[in-house]
PDB file of N, CA and C in Angstrom:
ATOM      1  N   UNK A   1       8.192  46.359 -19.068  1.00  0.00           N
ATOM      2  CA  UNK A   1       8.106  44.661 -19.117  1.00  0.00           C
ATOM      3  C   UNK A   1       8.241  44.404 -20.659  1.00  0.00           C
ATOM      4  N   UNK A   2       8.316  43.666 -20.582  1.00  0.00           N
ATOM      5  CA  UNK A   2       8.036  43.024 -22.002  1.00  0.00           C
ATOM      6  C   UNK A   2       6.871  42.979 -22.284  1.00  0.00           C
ATOM      7  N   UNK A   3       6.317  43.232 -23.559  1.00  0.00           N
ATOM      8  CA  UNK A   3       5.002  43.097 -24.170  1.00  0.00           C
ATOM      9  C   UNK A   3       5.504  42.431 -25.436  1.00  0.00           C
ATOM     10  N   UNK A   4       4.442  41.320 -26.259  1.00  0.00           N
ATOM     11  CA  UNK A   4       4.270  40.427 -25.029  1.00  0.00           C
ATOM     12  C   UNK A   4       5.005  39.556 -23.987  1.00  0.00           C
ATOM     13  N   UNK A   5       4.206  39.347 -23.061  1.00  0.00           N
ATOM     14  CA  UNK A   5       5.025  38.402 -21.688  1.00  0.00           C
ATOM     15  C   UNK A   5       5.479  37.023 -22.433  1.00  0.00           C
ATOM     16  N   UNK A   6       6.554  36.540 -21.530  1.00  0.00           N
ATOM     17  CA  UNK A   6       7.171  35.363 -21.705  1.00  0.00           C
ATOM     18  C   UNK A   6       6.333  34.255 -21.538  1.00  0.00           C
ATOM     19  N   UNK A   7       4.862  34.641 -20.393  1.00  0.00           N
ATOM     20  CA  UNK A   7       4.225  33.259 -20.869  1.00  0.00           C
ATOM     21  C   UNK A   7       2.995  33.187 -22.009  1.00  0.00           C
ATOM     22  N   UNK A   8       2.880  34.764 -22.677  1.00  0.00           N
ATOM     23  CA  UNK A   8       2.203  34.728 -23.706  1.00  0.00           C
ATOM     24  C   UNK A   8       3.001  34.206 -24.668  1.00  0.00           C
ATOM     25  N   UNK A   9       3.934  34.300 -25.275  1.00  0.00           N
ATOM     26  CA  UNK A   9       4.860  34.013 -26.394  1.00  0.00           C
ATOM     27  C   UNK A   9       4.846  32.276 -25.871  1.00  0.00           C
ATOM     28  N   UNK A  10       5.193  31.468 -24.757  1.00  0.00           N
ATOM     29  CA  UNK A  10       5.077  30.398 -24.567  1.00  0.00           C
ATOM     30  C   UNK A  10       3.990  29.928 -24.871  1.00  0.00           C
ATOM     31  N   UNK A  11       2.772  30.405 -24.687  1.00  0.00           N
ATOM     32  CA  UNK A  11       1.052  30.126 -25.223  1.00  0.00           C
ATOM     33  C   UNK A  11       1.176  30.092 -26.312  1.00  0.00           C
ATOM     34  N   UNK A  12       1.825  30.807 -27.138  1.00  0.00           N
ATOM     35  CA  UNK A  12       1.575  30.631 -28.181  1.00  0.00           C
ATOM     36  C   UNK A  12       2.408  29.766 -29.385  1.00  0.00           C
ATOM     37  N   UNK A  13       3.661  29.253 -28.911  1.00  0.00           N
ATOM     38  CA  UNK A  13       4.472  28.141 -29.270  1.00  0.00           C
ATOM     39  C   UNK A  13       3.823  27.277 -29.125  1.00  0.00           C
ATOM     40  N   UNK A  14       3.247  26.989 -27.780  1.00  0.00           N
ATOM     41  CA  UNK A  14       2.436  25.203 -27.233  1.00  0.00           C
ATOM     42  C   UNK A  14       0.926  26.141 -28.057  1.00  0.00           C
ATOM     43  N   UNK A  15       0.623  26.925 -28.632  1.00  0.00           N
ATOM     44  CA  UNK A  15      -0.471  26.404 -29.485  1.00  0.00           C
ATOM     45  C   UNK A  15      -1.252  25.508 -29.828  1.00  0.00           C
ATOM     46  N   UNK A  16      -0.138  24.732 -30.874  1.00  0.00           N
ATOM     47  CA  UNK A  16      -0.792  23.202 -31.645  1.00  0.00           C
ATOM     48  C   UNK A  16       0.076  22.294 -31.340  1.00  0.00           C
ATOM     49  N   UNK A  17       0.202  22.052 -29.760  1.00  0.00           N
ATOM     50  CA  UNK A  17       0.453  20.984 -29.233  1.00  0.00           C
ATOM     51  C   UNK A  17      -1.154  20.502 -28.885  1.00  0.00           C
ATOM     52  N   UNK A  18      -0.991  19.186 -28.667  1.00  0.00           N
ATOM     53  CA  UNK A  18      -2.316  18.472 -28.717  1.00  0.00           C
ATOM     54  C   UNK A  18      -2.297  17.685 -27.469  1.00  0.00           C
ATOM     55  N   UNK A  19      -3.875  17.383 -26.661  1.00  0.00           N
ATOM     56  CA  UNK A  19      -3.677  17.381 -25.437  1.00  0.00           C
ATOM     57  C   UNK A  19      -2.140  16.075 -24.737  1.00  0.00           C
ATOM     58  N   UNK A  20      -2.046  16.030 -24.370  1.00  0.00           N
ATOM     59  CA  UNK A  20      -1.227  14.359 -23.660  1.00  0.00           C
ATOM     60  C   UNK A  20       0.034  14.628 -24.148  1.00  0.00           C
ATOM     61  N   UNK A  21       0.479  15.631 -25.286  1.00  0.00           N
ATOM     62  CA  UNK A  21       1.626  15.804 -25.377  1.00  0.00           C
ATOM     63  C   UNK A  21       2.174  16.585 -24.912  1.00  0.00           C
ATOM     64  N   UNK A  22       4.089  16.507 -24.781  1.00  0.00           N
ATOM     65  CA  UNK A  22       4.592  17.528 -24.498  1.00  0.00           C
ATOM     66  C   UNK A  22       4.469  18.862 -25.233  1.00  0.00           C
ATOM     67  N   UNK A  23       5.465  19.871 -24.589  1.00  0.00           N
ATOM     68  CA  UNK A  23       5.119  21.279 -24.704  1.00  0.00           C
ATOM     69  C   UNK A  23       6.619  21.852 -25.442  1.00  0.00           C
ATOM     70  N   UNK A  24       6.076  22.200 -26.762  1.00  0.00           N
ATOM     71  CA  UNK A  24       7.434  22.450 -27.487  1.00  0.00           C
ATOM     72  C   UNK A  24       8.039  23.287 -26.477  1.00  0.00           C
ATOM     73  N   UNK A  25       8.075  24.427 -25.766  1.00  0.00           N
ATOM     74  CA  UNK A  25       8.833  25.382 -24.635  1.00  0.00           C
ATOM     75  C   UNK A  25       8.390  24.912 -23.378  1.00  0.00           C
ATOM     76  N   UNK A  26       9.262  25.154 -23.132  1.00  0.00           N
ATOM     77  CA  UNK A  26       9.026  24.653 -20.871  1.00  0.00           C
ATOM     78  C   UNK A  26       9.737  26.209 -20.128  1.00  0.00           C
ATOM     79  N   UNK A  27      10.426  26.994 -21.199  1.00  0.00           N
ATOM     80  CA  UNK A  27      10.983  27.474 -20.124  1.00  0.00           C
ATOM     81  C   UNK A  27      11.911  29.030 -21.021  1.00  0.00           C
ATOM     82  N   UNK A  28      11.555  30.279 -20.541  1.00  0.00           N
ATOM     83  CA  UNK A  28      11.592  31.377 -20.828  1.00  0.00           C
ATOM     84  C   UNK A  28      13.094  31.697 -21.464  1.00  0.00           C
ATOM     85  N   UNK A  29      14.058  30.535 -20.890  1.00  0.00           N
ATOM     86  CA  UNK A  29      15.114  30.166 -21.848  1.00  0.00           C
ATOM     87  C   UNK A  29      15.065  29.953 -23.796  1.00  0.00           C
ATOM     88  N   UNK A  30      13.976  29.109 -23.985  1.00  0.00           N
ATOM     89  CA  UNK A  30      14.096  28.385 -25.365  1.00  0.00           C
ATOM     90  C   UNK A  30      13.484  29.490 -25.554  1.00  0.00           C
ATOM     91  N   UNK A  31      12.557  30.602 -25.500  1.00  0.00           N
ATOM     92  CA  UNK A  31      11.757  31.883 -26.174  1.00  0.00           C
ATOM     93  C   UNK A  31      13.374  33.208 -26.164  1.00  0.00           C
ATOM     94  N   UNK A  32      13.758  32.851 -25.679  1.00  0.00           N
ATOM     95  CA  UNK A  32      15.074  33.629 -25.609  1.00  0.00           C
ATOM     96  C   UNK A  32      16.218  33.342 -26.946  1.00  0.00           C
ATOM     97  N   UNK A  33      16.667  31.947 -26.486  1.00  0.00           N
ATOM     98  CA  UNK A  33      17.393  31.155 -27.716  1.00  0.00           C
ATOM     99  C   UNK A  33      16.521  31.841 -29.401  1.00  0.00           C
ATOM    100  N   UNK A  34      14.866  31.303 -29.180  1.00  0.00           N
ATOM    101  CA  UNK A  34      15.278  31.355 -30.420  1.00  0.00           C
ATOM    102  C   UNK A  34      14.491  32.462 -31.150  1.00  0.00           C
ATOM    103  N   UNK A  35      14.520  33.813 -30.055  1.00  0.00           N
ATOM    104  CA  UNK A  35      14.395  35.371 -30.896  1.00  0.00           C
ATOM    105  C   UNK A  35      15.420  35.711 -30.548  1.00  0.00           C
ATOM    106  N   UNK A  36      16.415  35.266 -30.847  1.00  0.00           N
ATOM    107  CA  UNK A  36      17.957  35.920 -30.571  1.00  0.00           C
ATOM    108  C   UNK A  36      18.196  35.163 -32.236  1.00  0.00           C
ATOM    109  N   UNK A  37      18.282  34.183 -32.045  1.00  0.00           N
ATOM    110  CA  UNK A  37      18.433  33.316 -33.421  1.00  0.00           C
ATOM    111  C   UNK A  37      18.130  34.017 -34.857  1.00  0.00           C
ATOM    112  N   UNK A  38      16.728  34.394 -34.706  1.00  0.00           N
ATOM    113  CA  UNK A  38      15.917  35.288 -35.684  1.00  0.00           C
ATOM    114  C   UNK A  38      15.965  36.393 -35.835  1.00  0.00           C
ATOM    115  N   UNK A  39      16.547  37.410 -34.019  1.00  0.00           N
ATOM    116  CA  UNK A  39      17.007  38.761 -34.564  1.00  0.00           C
ATOM    117  C   UNK A  39      18.514  38.009 -34.926  1.00  0.00           C
ATOM    118  N   UNK A  40      19.430  37.679 -34.805  1.00  0.00           N
ATOM    119  CA  UNK A  40      20.784  37.608 -35.798  1.00  0.00           C
ATOM    120  C   UNK A  40      20.425  37.259 -37.477  1.00  0.00           C
ATOM    121  N   UNK A  41      19.349  36.561 -37.811  1.00  0.00           N
ATOM    122  CA  UNK A  41      19.189  36.318 -39.116  1.00  0.00           C
ATOM    123  C   UNK A  41      18.190  37.790 -39.946  1.00  0.00           C
ATOM    124  N   UNK A  42      17.460  38.526 -39.105  1.00  0.00           N
ATOM    125  CA  UNK A  42      16.966  39.260 -40.059  1.00  0.00           C
ATOM    126  C   UNK A  42      18.883  40.350 -40.016  1.00  0.00           C
ATOM    127  N   UNK A  43      19.165  40.805 -38.469  1.00  0.00           N
ATOM    128  CA  UNK A  43      20.863  41.743 -38.730  1.00  0.00           C
ATOM    129  C   UNK A  43      21.453  41.006 -39.690  1.00  0.00           C
ATOM    130  N   UNK A  44      21.524  40.046 -39.965  1.00  0.00           N
ATOM    131  CA  UNK A  44      22.115  39.536 -41.185  1.00  0.00           C
ATOM    132  C   UNK A  44      21.700  39.591 -42.896  1.00  0.00           C
ATOM    133  N   UNK A  45      20.726  40.139 -42.748  1.00  0.00           N
ATOM    134  CA  UNK A  45      19.752  40.712 -44.009  1.00  0.00           C
ATOM    135  C   UNK A  45      18.711  39.862 -44.534  1.00  0.00           C
ATOM    136  N   UNK A  46      18.208  39.089 -43.654  1.00  0.00           N
ATOM    137  CA  UNK A  46      16.646  38.333 -44.222  1.00  0.00           C
ATOM    138  C   UNK A  46      15.543  39.559 -43.846  1.00  0.00           C
ATOM    139  N   UNK A  47      14.787  38.970 -44.692  1.00  0.00           N
ATOM    140  CA  UNK A  47      13.451  39.635 -44.401  1.00  0.00           C
ATOM    141  C   UNK A  47      12.564  39.547 -43.561  1.00  0.00           C
ATOM    142  N   UNK A  48      12.036  40.564 -42.874  1.00  0.00           N
ATOM    143  CA  UNK A  48      10.792  40.595 -41.780  1.00  0.00           C
ATOM    144  C   UNK A  48      10.229  40.086 -42.166  1.00  0.00           C
ATOM    145  N   UNK A  49       8.821  39.178 -41.346  1.00  0.00           N
ATOM    146  CA  UNK A  49       7.873  38.282 -41.984  1.00  0.00           C
ATOM    147  C   UNK A  49       7.031  38.933 -41.236  1.00  0.00           C
ATOM    148  N   UNK A  50       7.291  40.154 -40.510  1.00  0.00           N
ATOM    149  CA  UNK A  50       5.667  41.428 -40.116  1.00  0.00           C
ATOM    150  C   UNK A  50       5.907  42.407 -40.690  1.00  0.00           C
ATOM    151  N   UNK A  51       5.185  43.691 -40.956  1.00  0.00           N
ATOM    152  CA  UNK A  51       4.930  44.717 -41.181  1.00  0.00           C
ATOM    153  C   UNK A  51       5.306  45.701 -40.098  1.00  0.00           C
ATOM    154  N   UNK A  52       6.958  46.006 -40.302  1.00  0.00           N
ATOM    155  CA  UNK A  52       8.088  46.356 -39.298  1.00  0.00           C
ATOM    156  C   UNK A  52       6.983  47.840 -38.683  1.00  0.00           C
ATOM    157  N   UNK A  53       6.100  48.618 -39.998  1.00  0.00           N
ATOM    158  CA  UNK A  53       5.844  49.573 -39.204  1.00  0.00           C
ATOM    159  C   UNK A  53       4.962  49.527 -38.018  1.00  0.00           C
ATOM    160  N   UNK A  54       4.235  48.056 -37.685  1.00  0.00           N
ATOM    161  CA  UNK A  54       3.717  48.206 -36.924  1.00  0.00           C
ATOM    162  C   UNK A  54       4.376  48.015 -35.533  1.00  0.00           C
ATOM    163  N   UNK A  55       5.569  47.123 -35.566  1.00  0.00           N
ATOM    164  CA  UNK A  55       5.989  47.018 -34.811  1.00  0.00           C
ATOM    165  C   UNK A  55       6.512  48.137 -33.486  1.00  0.00           C
ATOM    166  N   UNK A  56       6.416  48.299 -31.976  1.00  0.00           N
ATOM    167  CA  UNK A  56       7.106  49.610 -31.512  1.00  0.00           C
ATOM    168  C   UNK A  56       8.786  48.775 -31.609  1.00  0.00           C
ATOM    169  N   UNK A  57       9.433  50.242 -31.677  1.00  0.00           N
ATOM    170  CA  UNK A  57      10.693  49.995 -31.718  1.00  0.00           C
ATOM    171  C   UNK A  57      11.299  48.863 -32.864  1.00  0.00           C
ATOM    172  N   UNK A  58      10.742  48.952 -33.749  1.00  0.00           N
ATOM    173  CA  UNK A  58      10.899  48.309 -34.993  1.00  0.00           C
ATOM    174  C   UNK A  58      12.051  48.489 -35.363  1.00  0.00           C
ATOM    175  N   UNK A  59      13.507  49.672 -35.128  1.00  0.00           N
ATOM    176  CA  UNK A  59      14.379  49.533 -35.423  1.00  0.00           C
ATOM    177  C   UNK A  59      15.575  48.520 -34.707  1.00  0.00           C
ATOM    178  N   UNK A  60      14.829  47.616 -33.679  1.00  0.00           N
ATOM    179  CA  UNK A  60      15.188  47.039 -33.139  1.00  0.00           C
ATOM    180  C   UNK A  60      15.251  45.864 -34.019  1.00  0.00           C
ATOM    181  N   UNK A  61      15.970  44.521 -34.104  1.00  0.00           N
ATOM    182  CA  UNK A  61      15.928  43.330 -34.958  1.00  0.00           C
ATOM    183  C   UNK A  61      15.238  42.313 -33.852  1.00  0.00           C
ATOM    184  N   UNK A  62      15.478  42.522 -32.575  1.00  0.00           N
ATOM    185  CA  UNK A  62      15.206  41.559 -31.443  1.00  0.00           C
ATOM    186  C   UNK A  62      13.530  41.615 -31.057  1.00  0.00           C
ATOM    187  N   UNK A  63      12.866  43.611 -31.116  1.00  0.00           N
ATOM    188  CA  UNK A  63      11.189  43.318 -31.509  1.00  0.00           C
ATOM    189  C   UNK A  63      11.074  42.862 -32.719  1.00  0.00           C
ATOM    190  N   UNK A  64      11.411  43.043 -33.396  1.00  0.00           N
ATOM    191  CA  UNK A  64      10.729  42.284 -34.969  1.00  0.00           C
ATOM    192  C   UNK A  64      10.434  40.593 -34.835  1.00  0.00           C
ATOM    193  N   UNK A  65      11.892  40.023 -34.226  1.00  0.00           N
ATOM    194  CA  UNK A  65      12.450  39.105 -34.354  1.00  0.00           C
ATOM    195  C   UNK A  65      10.671  38.715 -33.120  1.00  0.00           C
ATOM    196  N   UNK A  66      10.685  39.223 -31.613  1.00  0.00           N
ATOM    197  CA  UNK A  66       9.482  38.864 -30.773  1.00  0.00           C
ATOM    198  C   UNK A  66       8.366  39.062 -31.800  1.00  0.00           C
ATOM    199  N   UNK A  67       7.462  40.189 -32.186  1.00  0.00           N
ATOM    200  CA  UNK A  67       6.664  40.108 -32.999  1.00  0.00           C
ATOM    201  C   UNK A  67       6.249  38.963 -34.019  1.00  0.00           C
ATOM    202  N   UNK A  68       6.986  38.921 -34.495  1.00  0.00           N
ATOM    203  CA  UNK A  68       6.784  37.343 -35.265  1.00  0.00           C
ATOM    204  C   UNK A  68       6.908  36.255 -34.604  1.00  0.00           C
ATOM    205  N   UNK A  69       7.179  36.025 -33.641  1.00  0.00           N
ATOM    206  CA  UNK A  69       6.830  35.202 -32.798  1.00  0.00           C
ATOM    207  C   UNK A  69       5.549  34.778 -32.060  1.00  0.00           C
ATOM    208  N   UNK A  70       4.849  36.014 -31.914  1.00  0.00           N
ATOM    209  CA  UNK A  70       4.000  36.741 -31.437  1.00  0.00           C
ATOM    210  C   UNK A  70       2.581  36.319 -32.071  1.00  0.00           C
ATOM    211  N   UNK A  71       3.555  36.657 -33.829  1.00  0.00           N
ATOM    212  CA  UNK A  71       2.294  36.442 -34.581  1.00  0.00           C
ATOM    213  C   UNK A  71       1.906  35.430 -35.523  1.00  0.00           C
ATOM    214  N   UNK A  72       3.263  34.107 -34.972  1.00  0.00           N
ATOM    215  CA  UNK A  72       2.939  32.718 -35.226  1.00  0.00           C
ATOM    216  C   UNK A  72       4.172  32.697 -36.491  1.00  0.00           C
ATOM    217  N   UNK A  73       4.359  33.607 -37.545  1.00  0.00           N
ATOM    218  CA  UNK A  73       5.053  33.707 -38.469  1.00  0.00           C
ATOM    219  C   UNK A  73       6.429  32.894 -38.834  1.00  0.00           C
ATOM    220  N   UNK A  74       7.190  32.749 -37.292  1.00  0.00           N
ATOM    221  CA  UNK A  74       7.950  31.924 -36.838  1.00  0.00           C
ATOM    222  C   UNK A  74       7.898  31.017 -36.165  1.00  0.00           C
ATOM    223  N   UNK A  75       7.967  29.625 -36.390  1.00  0.00           N
ATOM    224  CA  UNK A  75       7.974  27.959 -35.375  1.00  0.00           C
ATOM    225  C   UNK A  75       9.310  27.912 -35.032  1.00  0.00           C
ATOM    226  N   UNK A  76       8.959  27.447 -33.086  1.00  0.00           N
ATOM    227  CA  UNK A  76      10.204  26.966 -32.703  1.00  0.00           C
ATOM    228  C   UNK A  76      10.249  25.258 -32.460  1.00  0.00           C
ATOM    229  N   UNK A  77      10.924  24.523 -32.850  1.00  0.00           N
ATOM    230  CA  UNK A  77      11.008  23.144 -33.699  1.00  0.00           C
ATOM    231  C   UNK A  77      11.091  21.996 -32.145  1.00  0.00           C
ATOM    232  N   UNK A  78      10.343  21.366 -32.085  1.00  0.00           N
ATOM    233  CA  UNK A  78      10.987  21.139 -31.037  1.00  0.00           C
ATOM    234  C   UNK A  78      11.738  20.205 -31.278  1.00  0.00           C
ATOM    235  N   UNK A  79      12.957  19.304 -30.359  1.00  0.00           N
ATOM    236  CA  UNK A  79      13.930  18.307 -30.793  1.00  0.00           C
ATOM    237  C   UNK A  79      13.863  16.984 -32.101  1.00  0.00           C
ATOM    238  N   UNK A  80      12.851  17.063 -31.231  1.00  0.00           N
ATOM    239  CA  UNK A  80      11.773  15.726 -32.709  1.00  0.00           C
ATOM    240  C   UNK A  80      11.869  15.980 -34.447  1.00  0.00           C
ATOM    241  N   UNK A  81      11.343  17.615 -34.537  1.00  0.00           N
ATOM    242  CA  UNK A  81      11.254  17.734 -35.428  1.00  0.00           C
ATOM    243  C   UNK A  81      12.015  18.533 -36.232  1.00  0.00           C
ATOM    244  N   UNK A  82      13.241  19.019 -35.427  1.00  0.00           N
ATOM    245  CA  UNK A  82      14.908  18.903 -36.122  1.00  0.00           C
ATOM    246  C   UNK A  82      15.285  17.905 -36.508  1.00  0.00           C
TER     247      UNK A  82
END
């Protein structure tokens, strides 16, 4: 099982959305695309935005990217914000 779960990650990403506005993320696909993009950035040499020692499986860039998203260190932009 993935920890945090997709639903937990979606809640974190959508936490700053005002009531009545459309959520930034509607599906697991958006979470997967965002974390995979960030993992590729980490592989390319960008520094992690979280303490890598505190992340389980920290040798895996995707695990680091998921934790960054969970801690709110990275944001998923809506189409309007891009």
